[in-house]
Amino acid sequence: MAIETQPEPKNPVDERRNSMSIIRIKKDNINSIKHLWEKLRDIHLAESRYFKDRYRNMTFEKRCHKFELLDDDNLLIELIKDGERTVGYCISSIKEGIGEIDSLFVEKTHRNKGYGKELVDSA
């Protein structure tokens, strides 16, 4: 008599994790994160004790002005992709030999899963 074995059930968290990727984009494609940056600005406006006033009149275009002065070798823009959908990003830069994380955002639905840490670690 043959014994049938059932495949192990797939863990939905592992399946979702497998659909995620981190990709690097060039400065010319920075507008692809505008909608996420605007969500970050809204969070600062609603909740931040320290950055609320700074972001009140800040636009994405004003924020990106700093990056216009940097070449792609000194600017790292990475996106978290869930399939085709961008769900997070990290922008980091090097100026005068000093590195800085300029902006980091992960959609609420994708937080607490280690994606932000991965972005910070690669910055």
Foldseek 3Di string as FASTA:
>chain_A
DDDDDDDDDDDVVVVQVVQKDKDWDFPVPVVVCQVQVVVVLVCCCVPNPPCNVVSPPDHPVNLCVVVVVDHRVFWTKMFMDRNPDTFWIWIWGADPRDIDTSDIGGHPVPPPPCPRVVRVVVD
